[in-house]
PDB file of N, CA and C in Angstrom:
ATOM      1  N   GLN A   1     121.289  15.762 -70.845  1.00  0.00           N
ATOM      2  CA  GLN A   1     121.743  15.523 -72.193  1.00  0.00           C
ATOM      3  C   GLN A   1     122.309  14.115 -72.343  1.00  0.00           C
ATOM      4  N   VAL A   2     122.961  13.603 -71.319  1.00  0.00           N
ATOM      5  CA  VAL A   2     123.542  12.265 -71.386  1.00  0.00           C
ATOM      6  C   VAL A   2     122.441  11.213 -71.506  1.00  0.00           C
ATOM      7  N   HIS A   3     121.370  11.376 -70.755  1.00  0.00           N
ATOM      8  CA  HIS A   3     120.257  10.436 -70.854  1.00  0.00           C
ATOM      9  C   HIS A   3     119.601  10.501 -72.232  1.00  0.00           C
ATOM     10  N   GLU A   4     119.467  11.678 -72.776  1.00  0.00           N
ATOM     11  CA  GLU A   4     118.890  11.815 -74.108  1.00  0.00           C
ATOM     12  C   GLU A   4     119.823  11.189 -75.147  1.00  0.00           C
ATOM     13  N   ALA A   5     121.109  11.354 -74.991  1.00  0.00           N
ATOM     14  CA  ALA A   5     122.072  10.721 -75.902  1.00  0.00           C
ATOM     15  C   ALA A   5     121.930   9.203 -75.834  1.00  0.00           C
ATOM     16  N   ALA A   6     121.793   8.655 -74.647  1.00  0.00           N
ATOM     17  CA  ALA A   6     121.632   7.209 -74.477  1.00  0.00           C
ATOM     18  C   ALA A   6     120.345   6.737 -75.136  1.00  0.00           C
ATOM     19  N   ARG A   7     119.273   7.482 -74.963  1.00  0.00           N
ATOM     20  CA  ARG A   7     117.994   7.115 -75.576  1.00  0.00           C
ATOM     21  C   ARG A   7     118.118   7.094 -77.093  1.00  0.00           C
ATOM     22  N   ARG A   8     118.773   8.085 -77.649  1.00  0.00           N
ATOM     23  CA  ARG A   8     118.916   8.154 -79.106  1.00  0.00           C
ATOM     24  C   ARG A   8     119.834   7.054 -79.642  1.00  0.00           C
ATOM     25  N   CYS A   9     120.759   6.596 -78.841  1.00  0.00           N
ATOM     26  CA  CYS A   9     121.638   5.495 -79.260  1.00  0.00           C
ATOM     27  C   CYS A   9     120.869   4.185 -79.388  1.00  0.00           C
ATOM     28  N   LEU A  10     119.694   4.096 -78.800  1.00  0.00           N
ATOM     29  CA  LEU A  10     118.877   2.889 -78.894  1.00  0.00           C
ATOM     30  C   LEU A  10     118.212   2.736 -80.254  1.00  0.00           C
ATOM     31  N   GLY A  11     118.241   3.786 -81.056  1.00  0.00           N
ATOM     32  CA  GLY A  11     117.596   3.736 -82.353  1.00  0.00           C
ATOM     33  C   GLY A  11     118.360   2.883 -83.348  1.00  0.00           C
ATOM     34  N   PRO A  12     118.012   3.009 -84.623  1.00  0.00           N
ATOM     35  CA  PRO A  12     118.680   2.216 -85.651  1.00  0.00           C
ATOM     36  C   PRO A  12     120.184   2.478 -85.665  1.00  0.00           C
ATOM     37  N   GLY A  13     120.914   1.497 -86.070  1.00  0.00           N
ATOM     38  CA  GLY A  13     122.363   1.636 -86.127  1.00  0.00           C
ATOM     39  C   GLY A  13     123.046   0.718 -85.137  1.00  0.00           C
ATOM     40  N   GLN A  14     124.264   1.029 -84.844  1.00  0.00           N
ATOM     41  CA  GLN A  14     125.078   0.179 -83.982  1.00  0.00           C
ATOM     42  C   GLN A  14     125.303   0.800 -82.610  1.00  0.00           C
ATOM     43  N   GLY A  15     124.309   1.481 -82.090  1.00  0.00           N
ATOM     44  CA  GLY A  15     124.434   2.087 -80.773  1.00  0.00           C
ATOM     45  C   GLY A  15     125.229   3.367 -80.773  1.00  0.00           C
ATOM     46  N   GLU A  16     125.272   4.006 -81.926  1.00  0.00           N
ATOM     47  CA  GLU A  16     126.011   5.257 -82.049  1.00  0.00           C
ATOM     48  C   GLU A  16     125.062   6.449 -82.077  1.00  0.00           C
ATOM     49  N   LEU A  17     125.617   7.572 -81.721  1.00  0.00           N
ATOM     50  CA  LEU A  17     124.914   8.845 -81.791  1.00  0.00           C
ATOM     51  C   LEU A  17     125.466   9.570 -83.005  1.00  0.00           C
ATOM     52  N   ASP A  18     124.616   9.899 -83.986  1.00  0.00           N
ATOM     53  CA  ASP A  18     125.142  10.554 -85.183  1.00  0.00           C
ATOM     54  C   ASP A  18     125.637  11.954 -84.844  1.00  0.00           C
ATOM     55  N   ARG A  19     126.435  12.509 -85.726  1.00  0.00           N
ATOM     56  CA  ARG A  19     127.065  13.816 -85.466  1.00  0.00           C
ATOM     57  C   ARG A  19     126.049  14.928 -85.238  1.00  0.00           C
ATOM     58  N   ALA A  20     124.986  14.934 -86.019  1.00  0.00           N
ATOM     59  CA  ALA A  20     123.974  15.987 -85.862  1.00  0.00           C
ATOM     60  C   ALA A  20     123.328  15.923 -84.485  1.00  0.00           C
ATOM     61  N   ALA A  21     122.984  14.717 -84.034  1.00  0.00           N
ATOM     62  CA  ALA A  21     122.384  14.561 -82.703  1.00  0.00           C
ATOM     63  C   ALA A  21     123.381  14.934 -81.617  1.00  0.00           C
ATOM     64  N   PHE A  22     124.646  14.522 -81.788  1.00  0.00           N
ATOM     65  CA  PHE A  22     125.682  14.876 -80.814  1.00  0.00           C
ATOM     66  C   PHE A  22     125.790  16.390 -80.678  1.00  0.00           C
ATOM     67  N   GLU A  23     125.861  17.080 -81.813  1.00  0.00           N
ATOM     68  CA  GLU A  23     126.016  18.536 -81.785  1.00  0.00           C
ATOM     69  C   GLU A  23     124.764  19.244 -81.278  1.00  0.00           C
ATOM     70  N   GLU A  24     123.606  18.616 -81.474  1.00  0.00           N
ATOM     71  CA  GLU A  24     122.371  19.182 -80.927  1.00  0.00           C
ATOM     72  C   GLU A  24     122.370  19.080 -79.401  1.00  0.00           C
ATOM     73  N   LEU A  25     122.792  17.929 -78.881  1.00  0.00           N
ATOM     74  CA  LEU A  25     122.786  17.703 -77.430  1.00  0.00           C
ATOM     75  C   LEU A  25     123.962  18.350 -76.720  1.00  0.00           C
ATOM     76  N   PHE A  26     125.114  18.376 -77.384  1.00  0.00           N
ATOM     77  CA  PHE A  26     126.345  18.891 -76.774  1.00  0.00           C
ATOM     78  C   PHE A  26     126.965  19.924 -77.713  1.00  0.00           C
ATOM     79  N   PRO A  27     126.399  21.141 -77.741  1.00  0.00           N
ATOM     80  CA  PRO A  27     126.871  22.157 -78.692  1.00  0.00           C
ATOM     81  C   PRO A  27     128.344  22.526 -78.466  1.00  0.00           C
ATOM     82  N   TRP A  28     129.064  22.633 -79.582  1.00  0.00           N
ATOM     83  CA  TRP A  28     130.475  23.030 -79.504  1.00  0.00           C
ATOM     84  C   TRP A  28     130.603  24.455 -78.971  1.00  0.00           C
ATOM     85  N   ARG A  29     129.680  25.328 -79.360  1.00  0.00           N
ATOM     86  CA  ARG A  29     129.790  26.750 -78.980  1.00  0.00           C
ATOM     87  C   ARG A  29     129.693  26.969 -77.475  1.00  0.00           C
ATOM     88  N   THR A  30     129.048  26.046 -76.774  1.00  0.00           N
ATOM     89  CA  THR A  30     128.897  26.206 -75.322  1.00  0.00           C
ATOM     90  C   THR A  30     129.966  25.461 -74.530  1.00  0.00           C
ATOM     91  N   GLY A  31     130.776  24.661 -75.250  1.00  0.00           N
ATOM     92  CA  GLY A  31     131.828  23.917 -74.569  1.00  0.00           C
ATOM     93  C   GLY A  31     131.432  22.518 -74.136  1.00  0.00           C
ATOM     94  N   TRP A  32     130.143  22.170 -74.305  1.00  0.00           N
ATOM     95  CA  TRP A  32     129.684  20.848 -73.879  1.00  0.00           C
ATOM     96  C   TRP A  32     130.338  19.725 -74.670  1.00  0.00           C
ATOM     97  N   ALA A  33     130.445  19.886 -75.974  1.00  0.00           N
ATOM     98  CA  ALA A  33     131.035  18.824 -76.808  1.00  0.00           C
ATOM     99  C   ALA A  33     132.461  18.536 -76.371  1.00  0.00           C
ATOM    100  N   GLN A  34     133.242  19.578 -76.206  1.00  0.00           N
ATOM    101  CA  GLN A  34     134.631  19.391 -75.790  1.00  0.00           C
ATOM    102  C   GLN A  34     134.712  18.748 -74.406  1.00  0.00           C
ATOM    103  N   ALA A  35     133.840  19.144 -73.505  1.00  0.00           N
ATOM    104  CA  ALA A  35     133.843  18.579 -72.153  1.00  0.00           C
ATOM    105  C   ALA A  35     133.509  17.093 -72.169  1.00  0.00           C
ATOM    106  N   VAL A  36     132.497  16.711 -72.930  1.00  0.00           N
ATOM    107  CA  VAL A  36     132.086  15.309 -73.011  1.00  0.00           C
ATOM    108  C   VAL A  36     133.212  14.451 -73.584  1.00  0.00           C
ATOM    109  N   LEU A  37     133.885  14.971 -74.613  1.00  0.00           N
ATOM    110  CA  LEU A  37     134.979  14.223 -75.231  1.00  0.00           C
ATOM    111  C   LEU A  37     136.223  14.209 -74.350  1.00  0.00           C
ATOM    112  N   THR A  38     136.549  15.320 -73.727  1.00  0.00           N
ATOM    113  CA  THR A  38     137.729  15.397 -72.862  1.00  0.00           C
ATOM    114  C   THR A  38     137.584  14.483 -71.657  1.00  0.00           C
ATOM    115  N   GLU A  39     136.398  14.428 -71.087  1.00  0.00           N
ATOM    116  CA  GLU A  39     136.165  13.566 -69.928  1.00  0.00           C
ATOM    117  C   GLU A  39     136.038  12.093 -70.315  1.00  0.00           C
ATOM    118  N   GLY A  40     135.949  11.816 -71.600  1.00  0.00           N
ATOM    119  CA  GLY A  40     135.893  10.439 -72.060  1.00  0.00           C
ATOM    120  C   GLY A  40     134.541   9.774 -71.887  1.00  0.00           C
ATOM    121  N   LEU A  41     133.493  10.560 -71.799  1.00  0.00           N
ATOM    122  CA  LEU A  41     132.160   9.975 -71.704  1.00  0.00           C
ATOM    123  C   LEU A  41     131.757   9.373 -73.040  1.00  0.00           C
ATOM    124  N   LEU A  42     131.937  10.142 -74.095  1.00  0.00           N
ATOM    125  CA  LEU A  42     131.679   9.684 -75.458  1.00  0.00           C
ATOM    126  C   LEU A  42     132.976   9.777 -76.245  1.00  0.00           C
ATOM    127  N   VAL A  43     133.108   8.917 -77.252  1.00  0.00           N
ATOM    128  CA  VAL A  43     134.287   8.914 -78.113  1.00  0.00           C
ATOM    129  C   VAL A  43     133.834   8.851 -79.569  1.00  0.00           C
ATOM    130  N   PRO A  44     134.656   9.401 -80.477  1.00  0.00           N
ATOM    131  CA  PRO A  44     134.318   9.288 -81.900  1.00  0.00           C
ATOM    132  C   PRO A  44     134.253   7.818 -82.308  1.00  0.00           C
ATOM    133  N   ALA A  45     133.277   7.496 -83.158  1.00  0.00           N
ATOM    134  CA  ALA A  45     133.110   6.126 -83.656  1.00  0.00           C
ATOM    135  C   ALA A  45     132.460   6.189 -85.028  1.00  0.00           C
ATOM    136  N   GLY A  46     133.197   5.834 -86.043  1.00  0.00           N
ATOM    137  CA  GLY A  46     132.649   5.879 -87.397  1.00  0.00           C
ATOM    138  C   GLY A  46     132.197   7.275 -87.756  1.00  0.00           C
ATOM    139  N   ALA A  47     130.948   7.390 -88.148  1.00  0.00           N
ATOM    140  CA  ALA A  47     130.399   8.692 -88.549  1.00  0.00           C
ATOM    141  C   ALA A  47     129.740   9.421 -87.380  1.00  0.00           C
ATOM    142  N   GLY A  48     129.897   8.916 -86.166  1.00  0.00           N
ATOM    143  CA  GLY A  48     129.260   9.541 -85.017  1.00  0.00           C
ATOM    144  C   GLY A  48     130.062   9.355 -83.751  1.00  0.00           C
ATOM    145  N   TYR A  49     129.360   9.115 -82.664  1.00  0.00           N
ATOM    146  CA  TYR A  49     129.978   8.962 -81.344  1.00  0.00           C
ATOM    147  C   TYR A  49     129.294   7.816 -80.610  1.00  0.00           C
ATOM    148  N   ARG A  50     129.998   7.207 -79.678  1.00  0.00           N
ATOM    149  CA  ARG A  50     129.437   6.158 -78.837  1.00  0.00           C
ATOM    150  C   ARG A  50     129.957   6.365 -77.424  1.00  0.00           C
ATOM    151  N   PHE A  51     129.322   5.694 -76.469  1.00  0.00           N
ATOM    152  CA  PHE A  51     129.791   5.765 -75.095  1.00  0.00           C
ATOM    153  C   PHE A  51     131.152   5.089 -75.000  1.00  0.00           C
ATOM    154  N   ALA A  52     132.085   5.721 -74.326  1.00  0.00           N
ATOM    155  CA  ALA A  52     133.444   5.186 -74.215  1.00  0.00           C
ATOM    156  C   ALA A  52     133.455   3.870 -73.460  1.00  0.00           C
ATOM    157  N   HIS A  53     132.656   3.765 -72.443  1.00  0.00           N
ATOM    158  CA  HIS A  53     132.567   2.543 -71.645  1.00  0.00           C
ATOM    159  C   HIS A  53     131.210   1.913 -71.913  1.00  0.00           C
ATOM    160  N   GLU A  54     131.231   0.788 -72.606  1.00  0.00           N
ATOM    161  CA  GLU A  54     130.001   0.133 -73.033  1.00  0.00           C
ATOM    162  C   GLU A  54     129.069  -0.154 -71.862  1.00  0.00           C
ATOM    163  N   GLU A  55     129.624  -0.539 -70.726  1.00  0.00           N
ATOM    164  CA  GLU A  55     128.789  -0.866 -69.567  1.00  0.00           C
ATOM    165  C   GLU A  55     128.026   0.357 -69.070  1.00  0.00           C
ATOM    166  N   VAL A  56     128.669   1.495 -69.074  1.00  0.00           N
ATOM    167  CA  VAL A  56     128.006   2.738 -68.642  1.00  0.00           C
ATOM    168  C   VAL A  56     126.896   3.080 -69.631  1.00  0.00           C
ATOM    169  N   GLY A  57     127.196   2.970 -70.925  1.00  0.00           N
ATOM    170  CA  GLY A  57     126.181   3.233 -71.940  1.00  0.00           C
ATOM    171  C   GLY A  57     124.996   2.296 -71.802  1.00  0.00           C
ATOM    172  N   ASP A  58     125.277   1.003 -71.594  1.00  0.00           N
ATOM    173  CA  ASP A  58     124.199   0.020 -71.418  1.00  0.00           C
ATOM    174  C   ASP A  58     123.342   0.354 -70.202  1.00  0.00           C
ATOM    175  N   TRP A  59     123.998   0.732 -69.117  1.00  0.00           N
ATOM    176  CA  TRP A  59     123.281   1.049 -67.871  1.00  0.00           C
ATOM    177  C   TRP A  59     122.354   2.244 -68.077  1.00  0.00           C
ATOM    178  N   ILE A  60     122.863   3.298 -68.696  1.00  0.00           N
ATOM    179  CA  ILE A  60     122.036   4.489 -68.918  1.00  0.00           C
ATOM    180  C   ILE A  60     120.924   4.180 -69.924  1.00  0.00           C
ATOM    181  N   GLN A  61     121.251   3.434 -70.973  1.00  0.00           N
ATOM    182  CA  GLN A  61     120.247   3.094 -71.971  1.00  0.00           C
ATOM    183  C   GLN A  61     119.137   2.233 -71.381  1.00  0.00           C
ATOM    184  N   SER A  62     119.484   1.393 -70.426  1.00  0.00           N
ATOM    185  CA  SER A  62     118.475   0.504 -69.841  1.00  0.00           C
ATOM    186  C   SER A  62     117.347   1.271 -69.168  1.00  0.00           C
ATOM    187  N   THR A  63     117.613   2.481 -68.735  1.00  0.00           N
ATOM    188  CA  THR A  63     116.558   3.277 -68.112  1.00  0.00           C
ATOM    189  C   THR A  63     115.546   3.778 -69.137  1.00  0.00           C
ATOM    190  N   HIS A  64     115.898   3.680 -70.422  1.00  0.00           N
ATOM    191  CA  HIS A  64     115.027   4.167 -71.494  1.00  0.00           C
ATOM    192  C   HIS A  64     114.501   3.040 -72.376  1.00  0.00           C
ATOM    193  N   LEU A  65     114.808   1.814 -72.026  1.00  0.00           N
ATOM    194  CA  LEU A  65     114.450   0.677 -72.854  1.00  0.00           C
ATOM    195  C   LEU A  65     112.994   0.278 -72.650  1.00  0.00           C
ATOM    196  N   ASP A  66     112.302   0.071 -73.738  1.00  0.00           N
ATOM    197  CA  ASP A  66     110.942  -0.462 -73.710  1.00  0.00           C
ATOM    198  C   ASP A  66     111.101  -1.976 -73.723  1.00  0.00           C
ATOM    199  N   LEU A  67     111.012  -2.599 -72.560  1.00  0.00           N
ATOM    200  CA  LEU A  67     111.302  -4.017 -72.416  1.00  0.00           C
ATOM    201  C   LEU A  67     110.396  -4.897 -73.271  1.00  0.00           C
ATOM    202  N   ASP A  68     109.115  -4.598 -73.335  1.00  0.00           N
ATOM    203  CA  ASP A  68     108.201  -5.396 -74.150  1.00  0.00           C
ATOM    204  C   ASP A  68     108.609  -5.356 -75.626  1.00  0.00           C
ATOM    205  N   ALA A  69     108.907  -4.185 -76.134  1.00  0.00           N
ATOM    206  CA  ALA A  69     109.304  -4.058 -77.535  1.00  0.00           C
ATOM    207  C   ALA A  69     110.644  -4.749 -77.786  1.00  0.00           C
ATOM    208  N   ALA A  70     111.563  -4.630 -76.836  1.00  0.00           N
ATOM    209  CA  ALA A  70     112.870  -5.275 -76.994  1.00  0.00           C
ATOM    210  C   ALA A  70     112.733  -6.789 -77.020  1.00  0.00           C
ATOM    211  N   LEU A  71     111.902  -7.339 -76.141  1.00  0.00           N
ATOM    212  CA  LEU A  71     111.695  -8.788 -76.141  1.00  0.00           C
ATOM    213  C   LEU A  71     111.062  -9.266 -77.440  1.00  0.00           C
ATOM    214  N   ARG A  72     110.096  -8.500 -77.938  1.00  0.00           N
ATOM    215  CA  ARG A  72     109.483  -8.871 -79.219  1.00  0.00           C
ATOM    216  C   ARG A  72     110.532  -8.869 -80.326  1.00  0.00           C
ATOM    217  N   ALA A  73     111.379  -7.856 -80.341  1.00  0.00           N
ATOM    218  CA  ALA A  73     112.386  -7.746 -81.393  1.00  0.00           C
ATOM    219  C   ALA A  73     113.455  -8.827 -81.274  1.00  0.00           C
ATOM    220  N   LEU A  74     113.842  -9.159 -80.063  1.00  0.00           N
ATOM    221  CA  LEU A  74     114.937 -10.110 -79.869  1.00  0.00           C
ATOM    222  C   LEU A  74     114.502 -11.566 -79.851  1.00  0.00           C
ATOM    223  N   VAL A  75     113.332 -11.848 -79.314  1.00  0.00           N
ATOM    224  CA  VAL A  75     112.912 -13.233 -79.126  1.00  0.00           C
ATOM    225  C   VAL A  75     111.838 -13.640 -80.125  1.00  0.00           C
ATOM    226  N   HIS A  76     110.779 -12.911 -80.140  1.00  0.00           N
ATOM    227  CA  HIS A  76     109.605 -13.334 -80.893  1.00  0.00           C
ATOM    228  C   HIS A  76     109.780 -13.238 -82.403  1.00  0.00           C
ATOM    229  N   ARG A  77     110.680 -12.410 -82.888  1.00  0.00           N
ATOM    230  CA  ARG A  77     110.844 -12.313 -84.341  1.00  0.00           C
ATOM    231  C   ARG A  77     111.425 -13.590 -84.920  1.00  0.00           C
ATOM    232  N   TRP A  78     112.066 -14.404 -84.108  1.00  0.00           N
ATOM    233  CA  TRP A  78     112.671 -15.649 -84.587  1.00  0.00           C
ATOM    234  C   TRP A  78     111.660 -16.796 -84.595  1.00  0.00           C
ATOM    235  N   HIS A  79     110.518 -16.606 -84.003  1.00  0.00           N
ATOM    236  CA  HIS A  79     109.496 -17.649 -83.962  1.00  0.00           C
ATOM    237  C   HIS A  79     108.337 -17.239 -84.855  1.00  0.00           C
ATOM    238  N   ALA A  80     108.371 -17.714 -86.089  1.00  0.00           N
ATOM    239  CA  ALA A  80     107.307 -17.378 -87.043  1.00  0.00           C
ATOM    240  C   ALA A  80     106.130 -18.320 -86.846  1.00  0.00           C
ATOM    241  N   GLU A  81     105.015 -17.936 -87.381  1.00  0.00           N
ATOM    242  CA  GLU A  81     103.824 -18.782 -87.318  1.00  0.00           C
ATOM    243  C   GLU A  81     104.072 -20.054 -88.124  1.00  0.00           C
ATOM    244  N   PRO A  82     103.618 -21.207 -87.651  1.00  0.00           N
ATOM    245  CA  PRO A  82     103.774 -22.459 -88.411  1.00  0.00           C
ATOM    246  C   PRO A  82     103.028 -22.374 -89.742  1.00  0.00           C
ATOM    247  N   GLU A  83     103.615 -23.003 -90.769  1.00  0.00           N
ATOM    248  CA  GLU A  83     102.945 -23.061 -92.067  1.00  0.00           C
ATOM    249  C   GLU A  83     101.815 -24.091 -91.991  1.00  0.00           C
ATOM    250  N   GLU A  84     100.983 -24.107 -93.001  1.00  0.00           N
ATOM    251  CA  GLU A  84      99.839 -25.012 -93.004  1.00  0.00           C
ATOM    252  C   GLU A  84     100.267 -26.474 -92.928  1.00  0.00           C
ATOM    253  N   ASP A  85     101.448 -26.835 -93.502  1.00  0.00           N
ATOM    254  CA  ASP A  85     101.871 -28.217 -93.485  1.00  0.00           C
ATOM    255  C   ASP A  85     102.577 -28.598 -92.181  1.00  0.00           C
ATOM    256  N   GLY A  86     102.567 -27.704 -91.202  1.00  0.00           N
ATOM    257  CA  GLY A  86     103.156 -27.989 -89.901  1.00  0.00           C
ATOM    258  C   GLY A  86     104.614 -27.611 -89.776  1.00  0.00           C
ATOM    259  N   GLY A  87     105.223 -27.102 -90.846  1.00  0.00           N
ATOM    260  CA  GLY A  87     106.631 -26.696 -90.783  1.00  0.00           C
ATOM    261  C   GLY A  87     106.783 -25.315 -90.185  1.00  0.00           C
ATOM    262  N   ARG A  88     107.991 -24.962 -89.897  1.00  0.00           N
ATOM    263  CA  ARG A  88     108.280 -23.627 -89.364  1.00  0.00           C
ATOM    264  C   ARG A  88     108.931 -22.787 -90.429  1.00  0.00           C
ATOM    265  N   VAL A  89     108.610 -21.543 -90.436  1.00  0.00           N
ATOM    266  CA  VAL A  89     109.252 -20.596 -91.322  1.00  0.00           C
ATOM    267  C   VAL A  89     110.507 -20.118 -90.626  1.00  0.00           C
ATOM    268  N   PRO A  90     111.669 -20.194 -91.264  1.00  0.00           N
ATOM    269  CA  PRO A  90     112.924 -19.790 -90.581  1.00  0.00           C
ATOM    270  C   PRO A  90     112.957 -18.327 -90.262  1.00  0.00           C
TER     271      PRO A  90
END
């Protein structure tokens, strides 16, 4: 469940797990939600939850990261095709 939570945090947003996803992965009725929060793995953040220790979250998320897609999103989106007059599109 922790790996799935990390994978879902990679989606849109600020690296948070929304409440519905949290409750799906860590149901309150089974005690998982309380255990995760009591142990300090995840903490409330805005309208959802995030990893309490950013480094741990980053490490777990890295196992689910599509490196090619991440590089395209982070690097290549800033380099647009040159315009016909030789200028760059910002």
